[in-house]
Amino acid sequence: MNGAFEMADDASGREPTQASRIGPCGALFLYSLAAGLCMSGPVLLIVAGFTGSAAGLLLAGVLCTVLCAPLGVVLWASSDNEREYNRRLDTVGVAATAEVTELTYWDDGEQAGVTVGLRISGPGCPTFEATCKRSKPPALRVGLRLPAVVDPSDHLFRIDF
């Protein structure tokens, strides 16, 4: 995923939503990972049942089912949402420009990165602002203009960093 975005409501009260580009290979990887997470516990339980193994394998199967399956479902649903957002932007999105208005470097002790303030505007789309927190900052500077795609009906947007 590209980064977390935090946005303020615009004048109409709608909060902009950022979509990350997920291509076919990325989608295949994410769906495979989600399926693997969902199936790890049941597979361990089946193996434990057929082999008559120790209680350790049975316990591992139960723990993987309880912990990993919900994570797999969440990852699958999140990937579905991102793919749907991208399909919508590809069909009804209009070309826009995202201008970098602010750069603030951060370091929380475990990760470091940059918070990017953006002003997004385009034809048929009211201007709105968003803030992007990037852990791997690309070569950005204030005033840089980046290509974006916006669905003006609900302020769904995608920026290609």
C-alpha atoms as a PDB file:
ATOM      1  CA  MET A   1       0.000   0.000   0.000  1.00  0.00           C
ATOM      2  CA  ASN A   2       1.173   3.504  -0.689  1.00  0.00           C
ATOM      3  CA  GLY A   3       0.610   5.209   2.641  1.00  0.00           C
ATOM      4  CA  ALA A   4      -1.946   6.270   5.137  1.00  0.00           C
ATOM      5  CA  PHE A   5      -3.945   9.352   4.322  1.00  0.00           C
ATOM      6  CA  GLU A   6      -5.734  11.580   6.778  1.00  0.00           C
ATOM      7  CA  MET A   7      -8.216  14.018   5.315  1.00  0.00           C
ATOM      8  CA  ALA A   8     -10.447  16.777   6.530  1.00  0.00           C
ATOM      9  CA  ASP A   9     -14.037  17.120   5.376  1.00  0.00           C
ATOM     10  CA  ASP A  10     -14.512  19.492   2.468  1.00  0.00           C
ATOM     11  CA  ALA A  11     -17.167  22.202   2.218  1.00  0.00           C
ATOM     12  CA  SER A  12     -19.852  19.681   1.179  1.00  0.00           C
ATOM     13  CA  GLY A  13     -19.171  17.515   4.250  1.00  0.00           C
ATOM     14  CA  ARG A  14     -17.755  14.564   2.298  1.00  0.00           C
ATOM     15  CA  GLU A  15     -14.444  13.155   3.429  1.00  0.00           C
ATOM     16  CA  PRO A  16     -12.046  12.307   0.574  1.00  0.00           C
ATOM     17  CA  THR A  17     -10.937   8.673   0.259  1.00  0.00           C
ATOM     18  CA  GLN A  18      -7.527   7.671  -1.070  1.00  0.00           C
ATOM     19  CA  ALA A  19      -7.065   4.540  -3.172  1.00  0.00           C
ATOM     20  CA  SER A  20      -3.758   2.738  -3.623  1.00  0.00           C
ATOM     21  CA  ARG A  21      -2.925   1.220  -6.975  1.00  0.00           C
ATOM     22  CA  ILE A  22      -2.986  -2.579  -6.850  1.00  0.00           C
ATOM     23  CA  GLY A  23      -2.135  -4.281 -10.123  1.00  0.00           C
ATOM     24  CA  PRO A  24      -2.854  -7.879 -11.127  1.00  0.00           C
ATOM     25  CA  CYS A  25       0.387  -9.252  -9.628  1.00  0.00           C
ATOM     26  CA  GLY A  26      -0.130  -7.349  -6.376  1.00  0.00           C
ATOM     27  CA  ALA A  27      -3.721  -8.556  -6.181  1.00  0.00           C
ATOM     28  CA  LEU A  28      -2.646 -12.160  -6.794  1.00  0.00           C
ATOM     29  CA  PHE A  29      -0.092 -11.864  -3.987  1.00  0.00           C
ATOM     30  CA  LEU A  30      -2.569 -10.278  -1.540  1.00  0.00           C
ATOM     31  CA  TYR A  31      -5.357 -12.770  -2.272  1.00  0.00           C
ATOM     32  CA  SER A  32      -2.913 -15.700  -2.003  1.00  0.00           C
ATOM     33  CA  LEU A  33      -1.625 -14.387   1.322  1.00  0.00           C
ATOM     34  CA  ALA A  34      -5.185 -13.909   2.596  1.00  0.00           C
ATOM     35  CA  ALA A  35      -6.154 -17.438   1.547  1.00  0.00           C
ATOM     36  CA  GLY A  36      -3.025 -18.823   3.180  1.00  0.00           C
ATOM     37  CA  LEU A  37      -3.842 -17.045   6.431  1.00  0.00           C
ATOM     38  CA  CYS A  38      -7.403 -18.353   6.368  1.00  0.00           C
ATOM     39  CA  MET A  39      -6.392 -21.936   5.577  1.00  0.00           C
ATOM     40  CA  SER A  40      -3.330 -22.322   7.833  1.00  0.00           C
ATOM     41  CA  GLY A  41      -5.299 -23.243  10.943  1.00  0.00           C
ATOM     42  CA  PRO A  42      -7.709 -25.725   9.333  1.00  0.00           C
ATOM     43  CA  VAL A  43      -4.825 -27.414   7.486  1.00  0.00           C
ATOM     44  CA  LEU A  44      -2.921 -27.834  10.764  1.00  0.00           C
ATOM     45  CA  LEU A  45      -6.056 -29.262  12.393  1.00  0.00           C
ATOM     46  CA  ILE A  46      -6.530 -31.762   9.553  1.00  0.00           C
ATOM     47  CA  VAL A  47      -2.881 -32.811   9.717  1.00  0.00           C
ATOM     48  CA  ALA A  48      -3.147 -33.226  13.499  1.00  0.00           C
ATOM     49  CA  GLY A  49      -6.280 -35.356  13.042  1.00  0.00           C
ATOM     50  CA  PHE A  50      -4.774 -37.667  10.402  1.00  0.00           C
ATOM     51  CA  THR A  51      -1.403 -38.113  12.060  1.00  0.00           C
ATOM     52  CA  GLY A  52      -2.667 -38.439  15.605  1.00  0.00           C
ATOM     53  CA  SER A  53       0.089 -36.014  16.563  1.00  0.00           C
ATOM     54  CA  ALA A  54       0.747 -34.522  19.925  1.00  0.00           C
ATOM     55  CA  ALA A  55      -1.467 -31.893  21.403  1.00  0.00           C
ATOM     56  CA  GLY A  56       1.049 -29.238  20.293  1.00  0.00           C
ATOM     57  CA  LEU A  57       0.019 -29.496  16.645  1.00  0.00           C
ATOM     58  CA  LEU A  58      -3.640 -29.454  17.612  1.00  0.00           C
ATOM     59  CA  LEU A  59      -3.078 -26.356  19.762  1.00  0.00           C
ATOM     60  CA  ALA A  60      -1.168 -24.677  16.909  1.00  0.00           C
ATOM     61  CA  GLY A  61      -4.074 -25.422  14.563  1.00  0.00           C
ATOM     62  CA  VAL A  62      -6.598 -23.909  16.950  1.00  0.00           C
ATOM     63  CA  LEU A  63      -4.455 -20.811  17.543  1.00  0.00           C
ATOM     64  CA  CYS A  64      -3.824 -20.310  13.819  1.00  0.00           C
ATOM     65  CA  THR A  65      -7.539 -20.658  13.109  1.00  0.00           C
ATOM     66  CA  VAL A  66      -8.500 -18.160  15.792  1.00  0.00           C
ATOM     67  CA  LEU A  67      -5.739 -15.625  15.045  1.00  0.00           C
ATOM     68  CA  CYS A  68      -4.886 -15.949  11.358  1.00  0.00           C
ATOM     69  CA  ALA A  69      -8.305 -16.558   9.783  1.00  0.00           C
ATOM     70  CA  PRO A  70      -9.733 -13.159  10.822  1.00  0.00           C
ATOM     71  CA  LEU A  71      -6.578 -11.438   9.545  1.00  0.00           C
ATOM     72  CA  GLY A  72      -6.974 -13.236   6.228  1.00  0.00           C
ATOM     73  CA  VAL A  73     -10.608 -12.152   5.935  1.00  0.00           C
ATOM     74  CA  VAL A  74      -9.684  -8.528   6.687  1.00  0.00           C
ATOM     75  CA  LEU A  75      -6.823  -8.611   4.152  1.00  0.00           C
ATOM     76  CA  TRP A  76      -9.128 -10.116   1.493  1.00  0.00           C
ATOM     77  CA  ALA A  77     -11.839  -7.485   2.125  1.00  0.00           C
ATOM     78  CA  SER A  78      -9.311  -4.639   2.091  1.00  0.00           C
ATOM     79  CA  SER A  79      -7.862  -5.875  -1.206  1.00  0.00           C
ATOM     80  CA  ASP A  80     -11.376  -6.132  -2.662  1.00  0.00           C
ATOM     81  CA  ASN A  81     -12.128  -2.534  -1.637  1.00  0.00           C
ATOM     82  CA  GLU A  82      -8.904  -1.201  -3.154  1.00  0.00           C
ATOM     83  CA  ARG A  83      -9.504  -3.084  -6.408  1.00  0.00           C
ATOM     84  CA  GLU A  84     -13.085  -1.733  -6.582  1.00  0.00           C
ATOM     85  CA  TYR A  85     -11.854   1.817  -5.941  1.00  0.00           C
ATOM     86  CA  ASN A  86      -9.296   1.456  -8.732  1.00  0.00           C
ATOM     87  CA  ARG A  87     -11.862   0.075 -11.181  1.00  0.00           C
ATOM     88  CA  ARG A  88     -14.157   3.020 -10.416  1.00  0.00           C
ATOM     89  CA  LEU A  89     -11.339   5.547 -10.832  1.00  0.00           C
ATOM     90  CA  ASP A  90     -10.322   3.914 -14.120  1.00  0.00           C
ATOM     91  CA  THR A  91     -13.875   4.213 -15.487  1.00  0.00           C
ATOM     92  CA  VAL A  92     -15.243   7.513 -14.093  1.00  0.00           C
ATOM     93  CA  GLY A  93     -12.185   9.294 -12.709  1.00  0.00           C
ATOM     94  CA  VAL A  94     -10.979  12.600 -14.113  1.00  0.00           C
ATOM     95  CA  ALA A  95      -7.373  13.682 -14.398  1.00  0.00           C
ATOM     96  CA  ALA A  96      -6.298  15.995 -11.595  1.00  0.00           C
ATOM     97  CA  THR A  97      -3.162  17.426 -10.050  1.00  0.00           C
ATOM     98  CA  ALA A  98      -1.902  16.959  -6.504  1.00  0.00           C
ATOM     99  CA  GLU A  99       0.405  19.750  -5.402  1.00  0.00           C
ATOM    100  CA  VAL A 100       2.763  19.188  -2.464  1.00  0.00           C
ATOM    101  CA  THR A 101       2.041  22.017  -0.011  1.00  0.00           C
ATOM    102  CA  GLU A 102       3.938  20.844   3.061  1.00  0.00           C
ATOM    103  CA  LEU A 103       6.640  18.348   4.050  1.00  0.00           C
ATOM    104  CA  THR A 104       7.238  17.383   7.665  1.00  0.00           C
ATOM    105  CA  TYR A 105       9.785  14.733   8.599  1.00  0.00           C
ATOM    106  CA  TRP A 106       8.940  12.356  11.463  1.00  0.00           C
ATOM    107  CA  ASP A 107      10.698   9.642  13.426  1.00  0.00           C
ATOM    108  CA  ASP A 108       8.851   7.573  16.024  1.00  0.00           C
ATOM    109  CA  GLY A 109      11.862   5.511  17.054  1.00  0.00           C
ATOM    110  CA  GLU A 110      10.891   2.461  14.987  1.00  0.00           C
ATOM    111  CA  GLN A 111      10.225   4.069  11.609  1.00  0.00           C
ATOM    112  CA  ALA A 112      11.006   7.373   9.968  1.00  0.00           C
ATOM    113  CA  GLY A 113       9.369   9.104   7.053  1.00  0.00           C
ATOM    114  CA  VAL A 114       7.668  12.232   5.871  1.00  0.00           C
ATOM    115  CA  THR A 115       4.169  13.673   6.203  1.00  0.00           C
ATOM    116  CA  VAL A 116       3.112  15.190   2.883  1.00  0.00           C
ATOM    117  CA  GLY A 117       0.438  17.893   2.703  1.00  0.00           C
ATOM    118  CA  LEU A 118      -1.372  17.854  -0.653  1.00  0.00           C
ATOM    119  CA  ARG A 119      -3.826  20.133  -2.459  1.00  0.00           C
ATOM    120  CA  ILE A 120      -5.761  18.171  -5.076  1.00  0.00           C
ATOM    121  CA  SER A 121      -7.624  19.916  -7.887  1.00  0.00           C
ATOM    122  CA  GLY A 122      -8.846  19.229 -11.381  1.00  0.00           C
ATOM    123  CA  PRO A 123     -11.494  20.155 -13.936  1.00  0.00           C
ATOM    124  CA  GLY A 124     -15.000  19.474 -12.642  1.00  0.00           C
ATOM    125  CA  CYS A 125     -13.652  18.695  -9.188  1.00  0.00           C
ATOM    126  CA  PRO A 126     -13.603  21.116  -6.259  1.00  0.00           C
ATOM    127  CA  THR A 127     -10.179  21.572  -4.668  1.00  0.00           C
ATOM    128  CA  PHE A 128      -9.574  19.633  -1.461  1.00  0.00           C
ATOM    129  CA  GLU A 129      -6.616  18.874   0.783  1.00  0.00           C
ATOM    130  CA  ALA A 130      -5.173  15.632   2.124  1.00  0.00           C
ATOM    131  CA  THR A 131      -2.257  14.595   4.302  1.00  0.00           C
ATOM    132  CA  CYS A 132      -0.158  11.552   3.461  1.00  0.00           C
ATOM    133  CA  LYS A 133       2.230   9.868   5.897  1.00  0.00           C
ATOM    134  CA  ARG A 134       4.921   8.023   3.941  1.00  0.00           C
ATOM    135  CA  SER A 135       7.439   5.678   5.570  1.00  0.00           C
ATOM    136  CA  LYS A 136       9.633   5.584   2.479  1.00  0.00           C
ATOM    137  CA  PRO A 137       9.672   9.167   1.240  1.00  0.00           C
ATOM    138  CA  PRO A 138      10.113   9.576  -2.486  1.00  0.00           C
ATOM    139  CA  ALA A 139      11.971  12.612  -3.824  1.00  0.00           C
ATOM    140  CA  LEU A 140       9.390  15.267  -2.937  1.00  0.00           C
ATOM    141  CA  ARG A 141       9.594  19.035  -2.562  1.00  0.00           C
ATOM    142  CA  VAL A 142       7.064  21.737  -1.777  1.00  0.00           C
ATOM    143  CA  GLY A 143       5.432  22.933  -4.986  1.00  0.00           C
ATOM    144  CA  LEU A 144       5.902  19.610  -6.813  1.00  0.00           C
ATOM    145  CA  ARG A 145       2.867  18.630  -8.860  1.00  0.00           C
ATOM    146  CA  LEU A 146       1.935  14.955  -9.085  1.00  0.00           C
ATOM    147  CA  PRO A 147      -0.585  13.276 -11.384  1.00  0.00           C
ATOM    148  CA  ALA A 148      -3.815  12.200  -9.707  1.00  0.00           C
ATOM    149  CA  VAL A 149      -7.194  10.748 -10.660  1.00  0.00           C
ATOM    150  CA  VAL A 150     -10.366  11.863  -8.852  1.00  0.00           C
ATOM    151  CA  ASP A 151     -13.984  10.729  -8.843  1.00  0.00           C
ATOM    152  CA  PRO A 152     -15.638  14.122  -8.198  1.00  0.00           C
ATOM    153  CA  SER A 153     -18.945  12.585  -7.088  1.00  0.00           C
ATOM    154  CA  ASP A 154     -17.501  11.302  -3.806  1.00  0.00           C
ATOM    155  CA  HIS A 155     -13.882  12.583  -3.696  1.00  0.00           C
ATOM    156  CA  LEU A 156     -12.284   9.200  -4.225  1.00  0.00           C
ATOM    157  CA  PHE A 157      -8.738   9.799  -5.485  1.00  0.00           C
ATOM    158  CA  ARG A 158      -5.484   8.089  -6.362  1.00  0.00           C
ATOM    159  CA  ILE A 159      -2.056   9.711  -6.509  1.00  0.00           C
ATOM    160  CA  ASP A 160       0.837   8.061  -8.308  1.00  0.00           C
ATOM    161  CA  PHE A 161       3.953   8.820  -6.257  1.00  0.00           C
END
